[in-house]
Protein backbone atom coordinates (compact mmCIF):
# COMPACT_ATOMS: atom_id res chain seq x y z
CA MET A 1 -82.37 52.26 145.43
CA PRO A 2 -82.44 49.30 142.19
CA ASN A 3 -81.02 50.62 138.87
CA PRO A 4 -84.20 50.71 136.53
CA GLY A 5 -83.11 48.59 133.36
CA PRO A 6 -83.23 50.32 130.02
CA VAL A 7 -87.24 49.73 128.70
CA LEU A 8 -86.04 49.06 125.01
CA ARG A 9 -82.42 47.04 124.78
CA TRP A 10 -82.39 46.49 120.93
CA HIS A 11 -79.68 48.50 119.84
CA GLY A 12 -78.43 50.22 116.16
CA HIS A 13 -80.21 49.46 113.23
CA VAL A 14 -82.41 46.76 115.27
CA ARG A 15 -83.75 49.98 117.63
CA LEU A 16 -84.25 52.53 114.39
CA VAL A 17 -85.80 50.46 112.43
CA ALA A 18 -88.69 49.54 115.23
CA ILE A 19 -89.38 52.93 115.61
CA SER A 20 -88.99 53.33 111.67
CA LEU A 21 -91.89 50.91 111.24
CA ALA A 22 -94.13 51.70 114.23
CA LEU A 23 -94.25 55.83 112.81
CA THR A 24 -94.31 54.40 108.97
CA LEU A 25 -97.23 51.76 109.14
CA PRO A 26 -100.44 54.70 111.04
CA LEU A 27 -99.13 56.57 108.04
CA THR A 28 -99.46 54.11 105.45
CA GLY A 29 -102.88 53.15 106.57
CA CYS A 30 -103.13 57.14 105.47
CA LEU A 31 -102.76 56.06 101.80
CA LEU A 32 -104.62 53.28 101.48
CA GLN A 33 -107.27 55.21 102.38
CA PRO A 34 -109.36 56.44 99.03
CA GLY A 35 -108.01 59.30 96.70
CA HIS A 36 -104.60 58.14 97.68
CA GLY A 37 -102.57 56.08 95.07
CA ASP A 38 -106.01 55.26 93.66
CA ASP A 39 -105.51 53.57 89.99
CA ALA A 40 -107.14 56.74 88.38
CA SER A 41 -103.73 58.52 89.74
CA ASP A 42 -101.67 56.19 88.69
CA GLU A 43 -102.95 56.58 85.26
CA LEU A 44 -103.19 60.53 85.39
CA LEU A 45 -98.90 59.65 86.20
CA TYR A 46 -98.37 57.58 84.02
CA LEU A 47 -100.12 60.77 81.06
CA ASP A 48 -98.03 62.85 82.39
CA ARG A 49 -95.09 61.95 82.33
CA ALA A 50 -95.68 60.77 77.88
CA THR A 51 -96.57 64.01 78.04
CA ASN A 52 -94.11 65.64 79.33
CA GLY A 53 -91.70 62.93 78.06
CA SER A 54 -88.44 63.24 76.08
CA GLY A 55 -89.22 60.77 72.82
CA LEU A 56 -86.69 58.18 74.13
CA THR A 57 -89.33 58.22 77.12
CA ARG A 58 -92.49 57.78 75.56
CA GLU A 59 -90.73 55.26 73.27
CA ALA A 60 -89.76 53.41 75.88
CA MET A 61 -93.23 53.50 77.57
CA TRP A 62 -94.41 51.97 74.23
CA LYS A 63 -91.65 49.48 74.39
CA ASP A 64 -93.14 48.01 77.68
CA VAL A 65 -96.33 48.33 77.38
CA LEU A 66 -96.58 46.44 74.00
CA ALA A 67 -93.92 43.74 76.32
CA ALA A 68 -96.71 43.93 79.41
CA ARG A 69 -99.07 41.18 79.46
CA ARG A 70 -103.02 42.29 77.87
CA ASP A 71 -105.58 43.12 81.28
CA ARG A 72 -107.60 46.56 81.26
CA ASP A 73 -104.34 48.49 82.64
CA SER A 74 -101.70 47.85 79.89
CA ALA A 75 -105.20 48.84 77.44
CA LEU A 76 -105.28 52.01 79.15
CA HIS A 77 -102.10 52.20 78.96
CA LEU A 78 -102.13 52.23 75.34
CA ALA A 79 -104.89 53.44 74.30
CA LEU A 80 -102.65 56.62 76.46
CA LEU A 81 -100.03 56.56 74.52
CA GLN A 82 -101.06 55.87 71.71
CA SER A 83 -102.78 59.56 71.77
CA VAL A 84 -99.61 61.01 72.69
CA PRO A 85 -97.00 61.93 69.16
CA ASP A 86 -93.75 61.46 69.09
CA HIS A 87 -93.09 57.75 69.14
CA PRO A 88 -93.99 54.76 67.17
CA GLY A 89 -97.12 53.77 68.11
CA TYR A 90 -98.58 57.49 67.93
CA ASP A 91 -102.60 57.28 66.31
CA PRO A 92 -104.66 58.82 67.90
CA VAL A 93 -107.73 57.50 65.47
CA ALA A 94 -106.55 54.64 67.68
CA ALA A 95 -106.44 56.10 71.17
CA GLN A 96 -110.33 57.41 70.53
CA ARG A 97 -111.17 53.64 69.73
CA ALA A 98 -109.47 52.31 72.57
CA MET A 99 -111.11 55.27 74.76
CA ARG A 100 -114.02 54.70 73.84
CA ASN A 101 -113.95 50.52 74.22
CA LEU A 102 -112.74 51.49 77.87
CA LEU A 103 -115.38 53.26 78.48
CA ALA A 104 -118.54 51.67 78.11
CA GLU A 105 -116.44 49.19 80.33
CA ASN A 106 -118.34 50.96 82.82
CA PRO A 107 -114.19 51.82 84.87
CA PRO A 108 -114.46 53.30 87.86
CA GLU A 109 -115.53 56.67 87.69
CA ARG A 110 -111.97 58.29 88.64
CA THR A 111 -110.41 56.60 85.40
CA ALA A 112 -114.13 56.86 83.08
CA ALA A 113 -112.90 60.78 84.26
CA LEU A 114 -109.38 60.95 83.21
CA LEU A 115 -110.52 58.64 79.84
CA ARG A 116 -113.59 61.56 78.88
CA LEU A 117 -110.98 64.26 79.62
CA ARG A 118 -108.41 62.69 77.38
CA LEU A 119 -110.79 62.37 74.57
CA GLU A 120 -111.91 65.56 74.54
CA GLN A 121 -108.40 66.70 74.33
CA LEU A 122 -107.61 64.71 71.34
CA ARG A 123 -111.36 66.12 69.87
CA SER A 124 -110.19 70.12 70.06
CA ASN A 125 -107.33 68.98 68.82
CA ASN A 126 -108.91 67.44 66.09
CA GLN A 127 -111.14 70.41 65.34
CA CYS A 128 -107.77 73.03 65.22
CA LEU A 129 -106.11 71.12 63.22
CA SER A 130 -108.96 70.57 60.92
CA GLU A 131 -109.29 74.68 60.56
CA THR A 132 -105.90 75.22 60.11
CA GLU A 133 -106.17 73.09 57.48
CA ASP A 134 -108.61 74.59 56.29
CA LEU A 135 -107.06 77.67 56.41
CA ARG A 136 -103.57 76.67 54.15
CA ARG A 137 -106.77 75.23 51.88
CA ARG A 138 -108.33 79.37 51.68
CA LEU A 139 -104.78 81.41 51.87
CA ALA A 140 -103.38 78.94 48.59
CA GLN A 141 -106.70 79.23 47.25
CA VAL A 142 -106.44 83.74 47.84
CA VAL A 143 -102.05 82.74 46.70
CA ASP A 144 -103.33 81.12 42.97
CA ILE A 145 -106.35 83.73 42.68
CA GLU A 146 -103.58 86.55 43.01
CA ARG A 147 -100.86 85.03 40.30
CA GLN A 148 -103.42 84.56 38.22
CA ILE A 149 -104.40 88.71 38.61
CA ASP A 150 -100.58 89.97 38.57
CA GLY A 151 -100.96 86.87 35.32
CA HIS A 152 -104.21 89.08 33.62
CA ALA A 153 -102.55 92.63 34.31
CA ARG A 154 -99.65 91.83 32.77
């Protein structure tokens, strides 16, 4: 009876690479489907890295975005970074203006949603800062009134 030879004559690393590719390629097709690895997910991860990273991380990201070629992605990164404090490029007013300009260009819906969300966060932050400043001003007025009353009581 003839001895059947091995079906796959590749040895060692070649066989391992072939098997890995055979298993990996179908999975990469899944990643290319809508909702996996899209621009908005990348931008959300970028914003997450900026907001949760250290000041040094944000500063490095700022330098990278300034050195990048100017395109829609770098403009988006620039606007997102400008909206996050603790680095030299923090400028929430410029960030809001840039994000509104990007929205006017009709970006993909997921990117537009991210921009609208970040704009709302900035608006809410500005409102809180304004209210806090107003309360500080009012407290200073109350303190001045109390000092005046104490001065007249003597």
